[in-house]
Amino acid sequence: MKLIDTHCHVHDLDFFQDKREEAYAASVKAGVTMICVGTSEASSREALEFVRTHPATHAVVGVHPHDTREGWSDIRTIVEQHRENIVGIGEIGLDYFYDHSPRDVQQRALREQLALAVEYDLPVSFHVREAFDDFWPIFDEFKGVRGVLHSFTDTEENLQKALDRGLFIGINGISTFTKDVLQRTIYDVLPLRHILLETDAPYLTPSPFRGKMNIPAYVEFVAEYHARARGISTEEVAEVTTQNAKKLFRL
């Protein structure tokens, strides 16, 4: 069974330190292809370096809203120099839950990175938390953007707005352990054709491994959860979500 973890940080030594090669090897053994997503200029370069020597990986580059205070101009240079090795822009967006970067800076970074995605015809991995009221008007400024709402945990209203705009929904370990009735309802009824599976490793470890560091191999347990919720086989979940990922990222 082949699966694609569409959002992980296994490349990033700040997250995985001395566990990076171990996590990669275990995930390859499990049949998982990994999309390594940048969170800063440095992390994006690290993703590119990692995918050059790790065949079961692809790179997405961009600056997370938390890190926009440190700048994002280098992302354009990275894309210009390495377009053939990049499958997407991300993770980019707005995060008003923590406000680690000023909101106007986050918005400017989002616009400039979205413009880059349009210019180079790249899909986008979005991080949006408690900021959809500002996010949608900015998104709508850029015609033709395709992408995924990574780690979606918001309302049915914002889910519908995403689907109306043709976005995929990134589902990870949260769906296996959340006690939020609204979230569980959304996860359990969302059609597979709209879903991308992800881990966000090393975070959001799914059941039954809560308390341990997450790795891309554990995307299998996200797939198994959604198979049980829908009364279908894990193989069917894997097949549909893998085709979704291939379509979006043109793998």
Protein backbone atom coordinates (compact mmCIF):
# COMPACT_ATOMS: atom_id res chain seq x y z
CA MET A 1 0.00 0.00 0.00
CA LYS A 2 1.43 3.36 -1.08
CA LEU A 3 0.67 6.58 0.79
CA ILE A 4 1.78 10.18 0.45
CA ASP A 5 2.38 12.27 3.55
CA THR A 6 1.59 15.63 2.00
CA HIS A 7 2.92 17.72 4.87
CA CYS A 8 5.85 16.85 7.13
CA HIS A 9 9.06 18.40 8.41
CA VAL A 10 11.29 15.33 8.47
CA HIS A 11 14.00 17.30 6.66
CA ASP A 12 14.31 19.91 9.41
CA LEU A 13 17.09 19.31 11.94
CA ASP A 14 15.53 21.86 14.30
CA PHE A 15 12.63 19.42 14.65
CA PHE A 16 14.22 16.00 14.20
CA GLN A 17 17.84 16.56 15.29
CA ASP A 18 19.51 13.12 15.33
CA LYS A 19 16.27 11.23 14.49
CA ARG A 20 15.97 12.42 10.90
CA GLU A 21 17.49 9.45 9.07
CA GLU A 22 15.74 6.97 11.33
CA ALA A 23 12.37 8.61 10.66
CA TYR A 24 13.01 8.70 6.92
CA ALA A 25 14.05 5.04 6.76
CA ALA A 26 11.01 3.87 8.76
CA SER A 27 8.71 5.85 6.49
CA VAL A 28 10.23 4.48 3.30
CA LYS A 29 9.87 0.97 4.71
CA ALA A 30 6.17 1.72 5.33
CA GLY A 31 5.73 2.73 1.67
CA VAL A 32 5.30 6.44 2.36
CA THR A 33 6.38 9.23 0.03
CA MET A 34 7.03 12.47 1.90
CA ILE A 35 6.44 16.09 0.97
CA CYS A 36 8.89 18.13 3.05
CA VAL A 37 7.47 21.56 3.79
CA GLY A 38 9.54 24.62 4.66
CA THR A 39 8.67 26.97 7.50
CA SER A 40 11.40 29.59 7.00
CA GLU A 41 14.03 30.58 4.47
CA ALA A 42 16.58 28.30 6.16
CA SER A 43 14.13 25.41 6.52
CA SER A 44 13.19 25.71 2.85
CA ARG A 45 16.82 25.45 1.77
CA GLU A 46 17.19 22.48 4.12
CA ALA A 47 14.20 20.81 2.43
CA LEU A 48 15.85 21.19 -0.97
CA GLU A 49 19.11 19.73 0.30
CA PHE A 50 17.28 16.82 1.88
CA VAL A 51 15.28 15.83 -1.19
CA ARG A 52 18.42 15.72 -3.33
CA THR A 53 19.69 12.75 -1.35
CA HIS A 54 16.43 11.13 -0.23
CA PRO A 55 14.50 9.73 -3.21
CA ALA A 56 11.12 9.30 -1.50
CA THR A 57 10.73 13.02 -0.86
CA HIS A 58 9.64 16.25 -2.54
CA ALA A 59 10.23 19.85 -1.46
CA VAL A 60 7.77 22.67 -0.76
CA VAL A 61 9.33 26.03 0.10
CA GLY A 62 7.96 29.05 1.91
CA VAL A 63 7.83 31.03 5.15
CA HIS A 64 5.32 30.16 7.87
CA PRO A 65 3.35 33.15 9.23
CA HIS A 66 5.13 32.78 12.58
CA ASP A 67 8.49 33.35 10.89
CA THR A 68 7.56 36.19 8.55
CA ARG A 69 9.02 38.69 11.00
CA GLU A 70 12.43 37.32 9.95
CA GLY A 71 11.77 37.93 6.25
CA TRP A 72 10.77 35.91 3.19
CA SER A 73 12.45 37.57 0.19
CA ASP A 74 14.90 34.67 -0.19
CA ILE A 75 12.01 32.37 -1.18
CA ARG A 76 11.86 34.05 -4.60
CA THR A 77 15.58 33.39 -5.11
CA ILE A 78 15.14 29.78 -4.02
CA VAL A 79 12.30 29.23 -6.50
CA GLU A 80 14.12 31.01 -9.33
CA GLN A 81 17.21 28.86 -8.82
CA HIS A 82 15.58 25.50 -8.04
CA ARG A 83 12.14 25.49 -9.69
CA GLU A 84 12.65 21.98 -11.13
CA ASN A 85 13.12 20.55 -7.62
CA ILE A 86 10.13 22.30 -6.00
CA VAL A 87 6.55 21.00 -6.04
CA GLY A 88 4.83 23.76 -4.08
CA ILE A 89 4.92 26.95 -1.99
CA GLY A 90 4.34 26.67 1.73
CA GLU A 91 3.57 26.61 4.39
CA ILE A 92 2.28 30.12 4.11
CA GLY A 93 -0.76 31.91 5.49
CA LEU A 94 -1.99 33.77 8.55
CA ASP A 95 -1.91 32.82 12.23
CA TYR A 96 -3.69 35.14 14.65
CA PHE A 97 -3.81 32.59 17.47
CA TYR A 98 -0.22 33.30 18.53
CA ASP A 99 0.59 36.50 16.61
CA HIS A 100 4.31 35.65 16.63
CA SER A 101 4.66 38.06 13.69
CA PRO A 102 2.73 41.33 13.24
CA ARG A 103 -0.47 40.83 11.29
CA ASP A 104 0.40 43.34 8.60
CA VAL A 105 3.71 41.56 8.05
CA GLN A 106 1.96 38.20 7.80
CA GLN A 107 -0.45 39.61 5.24
CA ARG A 108 2.32 41.14 3.14
CA ALA A 109 4.26 37.87 3.18
CA LEU A 110 1.17 35.92 2.18
CA ARG A 111 0.48 38.19 -0.78
CA GLU A 112 4.05 38.11 -2.04
CA GLN A 113 4.35 34.35 -1.74
CA LEU A 114 0.97 33.84 -3.40
CA ALA A 115 2.16 36.01 -6.27
CA LEU A 116 5.19 33.74 -6.56
CA ALA A 117 2.97 30.65 -6.62
CA VAL A 118 0.90 32.14 -9.45
CA GLU A 119 3.96 33.24 -11.39
CA TYR A 120 5.55 29.78 -11.24
CA ASP A 121 2.29 27.81 -11.37
CA LEU A 122 2.91 26.05 -8.06
CA PRO A 123 0.30 24.75 -5.59
CA VAL A 124 0.19 26.16 -2.08
CA SER A 125 0.17 24.58 1.36
CA PHE A 126 -1.77 27.01 3.58
CA HIS A 127 -1.54 27.47 7.34
CA VAL A 128 -4.53 29.48 8.58
CA ARG A 129 -5.48 29.74 12.23
CA GLU A 130 -8.17 32.07 13.58
CA ALA A 131 -7.57 34.35 10.60
CA PHE A 132 -9.99 33.31 7.87
CA ASP A 133 -11.79 36.66 7.81
CA ASP A 134 -8.57 38.25 6.52
CA PHE A 135 -7.38 35.20 4.61
CA TRP A 136 -10.22 34.79 2.13
CA PRO A 137 -10.09 38.34 0.69
CA ILE A 138 -6.33 37.99 0.17
CA PHE A 139 -6.72 34.54 -1.39
CA ASP A 140 -9.36 35.87 -3.78
CA GLU A 141 -6.96 38.53 -5.07
CA PHE A 142 -4.97 35.78 -6.82
CA LYS A 143 -6.81 33.97 -9.59
CA GLY A 144 -5.97 30.38 -10.38
CA VAL A 145 -4.38 29.49 -7.05
CA ARG A 146 -4.65 25.79 -6.23
CA GLY A 147 -3.70 24.27 -2.93
CA VAL A 148 -4.53 22.65 0.38
CA LEU A 149 -5.65 23.96 3.76
CA HIS A 150 -3.10 22.16 5.91
CA SER A 151 -4.28 20.75 9.26
CA PHE A 152 -7.82 22.05 8.90
CA THR A 153 -9.71 22.39 12.21
CA ASP A 154 -12.09 25.26 11.51
CA THR A 155 -15.82 25.69 10.88
CA GLU A 156 -18.18 24.17 8.35
CA GLU A 157 -18.57 27.64 6.84
CA ASN A 158 -14.86 27.97 6.14
CA LEU A 159 -14.72 24.38 4.95
CA GLN A 160 -17.39 25.18 2.36
CA LYS A 161 -15.55 28.32 1.29
CA ALA A 162 -12.45 26.20 0.76
CA LEU A 163 -14.30 23.59 -1.27
CA ASP A 164 -16.02 26.30 -3.33
CA ARG A 165 -12.56 27.55 -4.25
CA GLY A 166 -11.34 24.08 -5.22
CA LEU A 167 -8.97 23.65 -2.30
CA PHE A 168 -8.08 20.29 -0.80
CA ILE A 169 -8.31 19.72 2.95
CA GLY A 170 -5.28 18.41 4.82
CA ILE A 171 -6.24 15.84 7.45
CA ASN A 172 -3.76 14.53 10.02
CA GLY A 173 -3.53 12.91 13.44
CA ILE A 174 -5.91 15.42 15.01
CA SER A 175 -8.76 13.55 13.31
CA THR A 176 -7.84 10.38 15.20
CA PHE A 177 -7.99 11.88 18.68
CA THR A 178 -10.07 15.08 18.69
CA LYS A 179 -13.01 15.24 21.09
CA ASP A 180 -14.48 18.25 19.30
CA VAL A 181 -17.85 17.09 17.93
CA LEU A 182 -17.84 19.62 15.07
CA GLN A 183 -14.35 18.63 13.98
CA ARG A 184 -15.16 14.94 14.12
CA THR A 185 -18.32 15.47 12.07
CA ILE A 186 -16.39 17.37 9.40
CA TYR A 187 -13.63 14.78 9.25
CA ASP A 188 -16.00 11.83 9.06
CA VAL A 189 -18.26 13.15 6.29
CA LEU A 190 -15.77 15.02 4.10
CA PRO A 191 -15.61 13.14 0.77
CA LEU A 192 -12.30 11.46 0.04
CA ARG A 193 -11.96 13.35 -3.23
CA HIS A 194 -11.34 16.52 -1.19
CA ILE A 195 -8.83 15.03 1.28
CA LEU A 196 -5.05 14.97 1.43
CA LEU A 197 -3.48 12.89 4.19
CA GLU A 198 -0.62 14.37 6.20
CA THR A 199 1.20 14.03 9.49
CA ASP A 200 2.79 17.43 10.23
CA ALA A 201 5.56 15.30 11.73
CA PRO A 202 7.06 15.67 14.30
CA TYR A 203 3.79 17.12 15.68
CA LEU A 204 0.18 15.90 16.00
CA THR A 205 1.00 12.22 16.48
CA PRO A 206 -2.07 10.09 15.72
CA SER A 207 -3.60 7.46 17.95
CA PRO A 208 -2.35 4.95 19.01
CA PHE A 209 1.04 6.69 19.30
CA ARG A 210 0.04 9.79 21.26
CA GLY A 211 2.94 10.99 23.39
CA LYS A 212 5.59 9.84 20.90
CA MET A 213 7.31 11.87 18.22
CA ASN A 214 5.34 11.77 14.99
CA ILE A 215 6.96 10.43 11.81
CA PRO A 216 5.64 10.25 8.23
CA ALA A 217 5.15 6.48 8.49
CA TYR A 218 2.27 7.16 10.88
CA VAL A 219 0.18 8.61 8.04
CA GLU A 220 -1.00 5.01 7.68
CA PHE A 221 -2.91 5.34 10.95
CA VAL A 222 -4.65 8.45 9.69
CA ALA A 223 -5.69 6.47 6.62
CA GLU A 224 -6.89 3.57 8.77
CA TYR A 225 -9.02 5.89 10.91
CA HIS A 226 -10.79 7.35 7.90
CA ALA A 227 -11.33 3.91 6.41
CA ARG A 228 -13.09 2.78 9.60
CA ALA A 229 -15.14 6.00 9.77
CA ARG A 230 -16.38 5.42 6.23
CA GLY A 231 -16.71 1.64 6.35
CA ILE A 232 -14.28 1.15 3.46
CA SER A 233 -10.84 -0.37 3.08
CA THR A 234 -7.63 1.42 3.98
CA GLU A 235 -6.44 0.60 0.46
CA GLU A 236 -9.29 2.65 -1.01
CA VAL A 237 -8.48 5.61 1.22
CA ALA A 238 -4.82 5.31 0.23
CA GLU A 239 -5.60 5.09 -3.47
CA VAL A 240 -7.93 8.10 -3.60
CA THR A 241 -5.87 10.39 -1.38
CA THR A 242 -2.67 9.45 -3.18
CA GLN A 243 -4.24 10.35 -6.52
CA ASN A 244 -5.42 13.65 -4.98
CA ALA A 245 -1.85 14.43 -3.91
CA LYS A 246 -0.42 13.51 -7.29
CA LYS A 247 -2.96 15.73 -9.00
CA LEU A 248 -2.33 18.76 -6.80
CA PHE A 249 1.46 18.57 -6.66
CA ARG A 250 1.85 17.10 -10.17
CA LEU A 251 3.96 14.23 -8.90
